[in-house]
Structure formats: structure tokens, C-alpha cells
Amino acid sequence: MLAQGATIKQICKSCKVSPHTVSIVRSREQETLKDSKKHLRALIGTATHLAVESLITKLQDDEIPSGVLPIATGILIDKHRQYEGEPTQTIEVKKSLSLDEIRAELANLKNEKVIEAEVTDVES
């Protein structure tokens, strides 16, 4: 059941065992679960490949309603970016300054004290 993706709570209820028992089995069977997840990823990859090919065929044959096309396209773009390791969202923060803020900063610069210092090179 763990390999099939059932939650601990579901397994406890279905098999009438404690969460501790399920945790022990999960720890003991880690390699089996890893192999199962690896196989599941491969199956999902195949299903995804077939679904994309089917979508392309339906697009070519004009079988997709126009209202569905933007949603399907957005999902495909998002998933492609995720697959490529790119961010799926970009948040841009813009800060703009008012003319009064710029004038105040310029006034502060004019009022700064000049400190005279002698500079010498230091050998490493």
C-alpha cells in the first residue's frame, strides 16, 4: 500500500494497525519503495509523453475547444519550465521614487561633510 501511494492514516484504517507499525515497515522496505517510485516515475513519464502527443494531434485536427486551449497551453508551459528546472513564476518588485524623494537625497548629498584623508598603498 505504501508503494501504491497510500497515506499512513489510510493504511492504519484499512489494515487495523498502528502508525508505528506502518513506519517500521516503511523504514524496513525503503529500497523496495524507492524501486516502486522509480517505476512509477517511468510510467508517469510515458503517460505524459502519450498525453502530449495526443494533445498535439488534437491541436492539428482542431479538436480542442478554443476555451480550453489557453489553459492547456499555460499548463504545458508551466510544466515544461518546471521540468527544465526553471522558475514557474516570476515576481517583479518595482520601486519608484518621487521627485521630492530625489530632491531630498540630493540635498543630503550636498550637506555631507568632506573628510580629507591620505591614501597609501600597502604591500601584501
C-alpha atoms as a PDB file:
ATOM      1  CA  MET A   1       0.000   0.000   0.000  1.00  0.00           C
ATOM      2  CA  LEU A   2       2.919   2.355   0.700  1.00  0.00           C
ATOM      3  CA  ALA A   3       4.321   1.639  -2.750  1.00  0.00           C
ATOM      4  CA  GLN A   4       0.946   2.482  -4.271  1.00  0.00           C
ATOM      5  CA  GLY A   5       0.953   5.875  -2.557  1.00  0.00           C
ATOM      6  CA  ALA A   6      -1.488   5.245   0.287  1.00  0.00           C
ATOM      7  CA  THR A   7      -1.108   7.502   3.310  1.00  0.00           C
ATOM      8  CA  ILE A   8      -0.158   6.161   6.731  1.00  0.00           C
ATOM      9  CA  LYS A   9      -3.612   7.037   8.008  1.00  0.00           C
ATOM     10  CA  GLN A  10      -5.289   5.105   5.172  1.00  0.00           C
ATOM     11  CA  ILE A  11      -3.100   2.067   5.799  1.00  0.00           C
ATOM     12  CA  CYS A  12      -3.775   2.147   9.547  1.00  0.00           C
ATOM     13  CA  LYS A  13      -7.513   2.287   8.990  1.00  0.00           C
ATOM     14  CA  SER A  14      -7.585  -0.344   6.242  1.00  0.00           C
ATOM     15  CA  CYS A  15      -5.216  -2.839   7.893  1.00  0.00           C
ATOM     16  CA  LYS A  16      -6.162  -2.025  11.501  1.00  0.00           C
ATOM     17  CA  VAL A  17      -2.570  -1.379  12.545  1.00  0.00           C
ATOM     18  CA  SER A  18      -0.873   1.458  14.397  1.00  0.00           C
ATOM     19  CA  PRO A  19       1.045   4.266  12.682  1.00  0.00           C
ATOM     20  CA  HIS A  20       4.157   2.926  14.444  1.00  0.00           C
ATOM     21  CA  THR A  21       3.797  -0.397  12.611  1.00  0.00           C
ATOM     22  CA  VAL A  22       3.456   1.340   9.249  1.00  0.00           C
ATOM     23  CA  SER A  23       6.520   3.496   9.992  1.00  0.00           C
ATOM     24  CA  ILE A  24       8.573   0.417  10.819  1.00  0.00           C
ATOM     25  CA  VAL A  25       7.537  -1.287   7.582  1.00  0.00           C
ATOM     26  CA  ARG A  26       8.315   1.884   5.631  1.00  0.00           C
ATOM     27  CA  SER A  27      11.797   2.078   7.191  1.00  0.00           C
ATOM     28  CA  ARG A  28      12.465  -1.615   6.583  1.00  0.00           C
ATOM     29  CA  GLU A  29      11.258  -1.560   2.974  1.00  0.00           C
ATOM     30  CA  GLN A  30      12.939   1.675   1.834  1.00  0.00           C
ATOM     31  CA  GLU A  31      14.717   0.037  -1.113  1.00  0.00           C
ATOM     32  CA  THR A  32      11.523  -1.612  -2.335  1.00  0.00           C
ATOM     33  CA  LEU A  33       9.667   1.679  -2.050  1.00  0.00           C
ATOM     34  CA  LYS A  34      12.452   3.506  -3.952  1.00  0.00           C
ATOM     35  CA  ASP A  35      12.257   0.944  -6.759  1.00  0.00           C
ATOM     36  CA  SER A  36       8.481   1.262  -6.821  1.00  0.00           C
ATOM     37  CA  LYS A  37       8.673   5.071  -7.007  1.00  0.00           C
ATOM     38  CA  LYS A  38      11.284   4.832  -9.759  1.00  0.00           C
ATOM     39  CA  HIS A  39       8.965   2.559 -11.746  1.00  0.00           C
ATOM     40  CA  LEU A  40       6.022   4.884 -11.085  1.00  0.00           C
ATOM     41  CA  ARG A  41       8.044   7.895 -12.337  1.00  0.00           C
ATOM     42  CA  ALA A  42       8.810   5.996 -15.530  1.00  0.00           C
ATOM     43  CA  LEU A  43       5.123   5.185 -16.022  1.00  0.00           C
ATOM     44  CA  ILE A  44       4.141   8.794 -15.414  1.00  0.00           C
ATOM     45  CA  GLY A  45       6.779   9.884 -17.923  1.00  0.00           C
ATOM     46  CA  THR A  46       5.313   7.527 -20.532  1.00  0.00           C
ATOM     47  CA  ALA A  47       1.766   8.694 -19.786  1.00  0.00           C
ATOM     48  CA  THR A  48       2.876  12.322 -20.064  1.00  0.00           C
ATOM     49  CA  HIS A  49       4.567  11.643 -23.378  1.00  0.00           C
ATOM     50  CA  LEU A  50       1.418   9.981 -24.754  1.00  0.00           C
ATOM     51  CA  ALA A  51      -0.793  12.791 -23.441  1.00  0.00           C
ATOM     52  CA  VAL A  52       1.347  15.470 -25.093  1.00  0.00           C
ATOM     53  CA  GLU A  53       1.350  13.566 -28.387  1.00  0.00           C
ATOM     54  CA  SER A  54      -2.432  13.233 -28.163  1.00  0.00           C
ATOM     55  CA  LEU A  55      -2.747  16.952 -27.419  1.00  0.00           C
ATOM     56  CA  ILE A  56      -0.610  17.807 -30.451  1.00  0.00           C
ATOM     57  CA  THR A  57      -2.767  15.578 -32.665  1.00  0.00           C
ATOM     58  CA  LYS A  58      -5.958  17.174 -31.333  1.00  0.00           C
ATOM     59  CA  LEU A  59      -4.484  20.632 -31.923  1.00  0.00           C
ATOM     60  CA  GLN A  60      -3.629  19.744 -35.510  1.00  0.00           C
ATOM     61  CA  ASP A  61      -7.131  18.349 -36.095  1.00  0.00           C
ATOM     62  CA  ASP A  62      -8.847  21.348 -34.417  1.00  0.00           C
ATOM     63  CA  GLU A  63     -10.475  19.052 -31.849  1.00  0.00           C
ATOM     64  CA  ILE A  64      -9.706  21.219 -28.823  1.00  0.00           C
ATOM     65  CA  PRO A  65     -12.280  23.887 -27.935  1.00  0.00           C
ATOM     66  CA  SER A  66     -10.877  27.400 -28.080  1.00  0.00           C
ATOM     67  CA  GLY A  67     -11.701  27.985 -24.389  1.00  0.00           C
ATOM     68  CA  VAL A  68      -9.550  25.033 -23.323  1.00  0.00           C
ATOM     69  CA  LEU A  69      -6.540  25.914 -25.453  1.00  0.00           C
ATOM     70  CA  PRO A  70      -5.151  28.784 -23.293  1.00  0.00           C
ATOM     71  CA  ILE A  71      -5.455  26.672 -20.139  1.00  0.00           C
ATOM     72  CA  ALA A  72      -3.776  23.641 -21.713  1.00  0.00           C
ATOM     73  CA  THR A  73      -1.034  25.854 -23.153  1.00  0.00           C
ATOM     74  CA  GLY A  74      -0.391  27.539 -19.803  1.00  0.00           C
ATOM     75  CA  ILE A  75      -0.167  24.211 -18.006  1.00  0.00           C
ATOM     76  CA  LEU A  76       2.208  22.814 -20.627  1.00  0.00           C
ATOM     77  CA  ILE A  77       4.470  25.878 -20.438  1.00  0.00           C
ATOM     78  CA  ASP A  78       4.465  25.746 -16.636  1.00  0.00           C
ATOM     79  CA  LYS A  79       5.284  22.042 -16.519  1.00  0.00           C
ATOM     80  CA  HIS A  80       7.978  22.387 -19.174  1.00  0.00           C
ATOM     81  CA  ARG A  81       9.671  25.132 -17.169  1.00  0.00           C
ATOM     82  CA  GLN A  82       9.406  23.029 -14.029  1.00  0.00           C
ATOM     83  CA  TYR A  83      10.905  20.029 -15.849  1.00  0.00           C
ATOM     84  CA  GLU A  84      13.787  22.180 -17.099  1.00  0.00           C
ATOM     85  CA  GLY A  85      14.443  23.451 -13.567  1.00  0.00           C
ATOM     86  CA  GLU A  86      13.355  26.982 -14.402  1.00  0.00           C
ATOM     87  CA  PRO A  87      11.115  29.034 -12.144  1.00  0.00           C
ATOM     88  CA  THR A  88       7.436  28.693 -12.926  1.00  0.00           C
ATOM     89  CA  GLN A  89       6.673  32.131 -11.550  1.00  0.00           C
ATOM     90  CA  THR A  90       8.482  35.434 -11.615  1.00  0.00           C
ATOM     91  CA  ILE A  91       7.693  38.073  -9.068  1.00  0.00           C
ATOM     92  CA  GLU A  92       8.874  41.512 -10.034  1.00  0.00           C
ATOM     93  CA  VAL A  93       9.109  44.260  -7.438  1.00  0.00           C
ATOM     94  CA  LYS A  94       9.383  47.793  -8.736  1.00  0.00           C
ATOM     95  CA  LYS A  95      10.182  50.758  -6.559  1.00  0.00           C
ATOM     96  CA  SER A  96       9.775  54.197  -7.961  1.00  0.00           C
ATOM     97  CA  LEU A  97      10.947  57.394  -6.383  1.00  0.00           C
ATOM     98  CA  SER A  98       9.036  60.610  -6.340  1.00  0.00           C
ATOM     99  CA  LEU A  99      10.632  63.877  -7.399  1.00  0.00           C
ATOM    100  CA  ASP A 100      10.530  65.069  -3.755  1.00  0.00           C
ATOM    101  CA  GLU A 101      12.449  61.969  -2.604  1.00  0.00           C
ATOM    102  CA  ILE A 102      15.125  62.559  -5.245  1.00  0.00           C
ATOM    103  CA  ARG A 103      15.442  66.230  -4.252  1.00  0.00           C
ATOM    104  CA  ALA A 104      15.776  65.274  -0.571  1.00  0.00           C
ATOM    105  CA  GLU A 105      18.526  62.760  -1.379  1.00  0.00           C
ATOM    106  CA  LEU A 106      20.412  65.331  -3.462  1.00  0.00           C
ATOM    107  CA  ALA A 107      20.138  67.831  -0.609  1.00  0.00           C
ATOM    108  CA  ASN A 108      21.569  65.216   1.767  1.00  0.00           C
ATOM    109  CA  LEU A 109      24.499  64.650  -0.566  1.00  0.00           C
ATOM    110  CA  LYS A 110      25.245  68.383  -0.688  1.00  0.00           C
ATOM    111  CA  ASN A 111      25.201  68.615   3.108  1.00  0.00           C
ATOM    112  CA  GLU A 112      27.645  65.739   3.639  1.00  0.00           C
ATOM    113  CA  LYS A 113      30.933  66.665   5.264  1.00  0.00           C
ATOM    114  CA  VAL A 114      34.066  66.109   3.241  1.00  0.00           C
ATOM    115  CA  ILE A 115      36.748  64.201   5.101  1.00  0.00           C
ATOM    116  CA  GLU A 116      40.249  64.648   3.858  1.00  0.00           C
ATOM    117  CA  ALA A 117      42.412  61.572   4.058  1.00  0.00           C
ATOM    118  CA  GLU A 118      45.780  60.485   2.800  1.00  0.00           C
ATOM    119  CA  VAL A 119      45.820  57.227   0.856  1.00  0.00           C
ATOM    120  CA  THR A 120      48.857  54.985   0.631  1.00  0.00           C
ATOM    121  CA  ASP A 121      49.373  51.590  -0.985  1.00  0.00           C
ATOM    122  CA  VAL A 122      50.066  48.698   1.334  1.00  0.00           C
ATOM    123  CA  GLU A 123      52.247  45.863   0.125  1.00  0.00           C
ATOM    124  CA  SER A 124      50.833  42.362   0.547  1.00  0.00           C
END
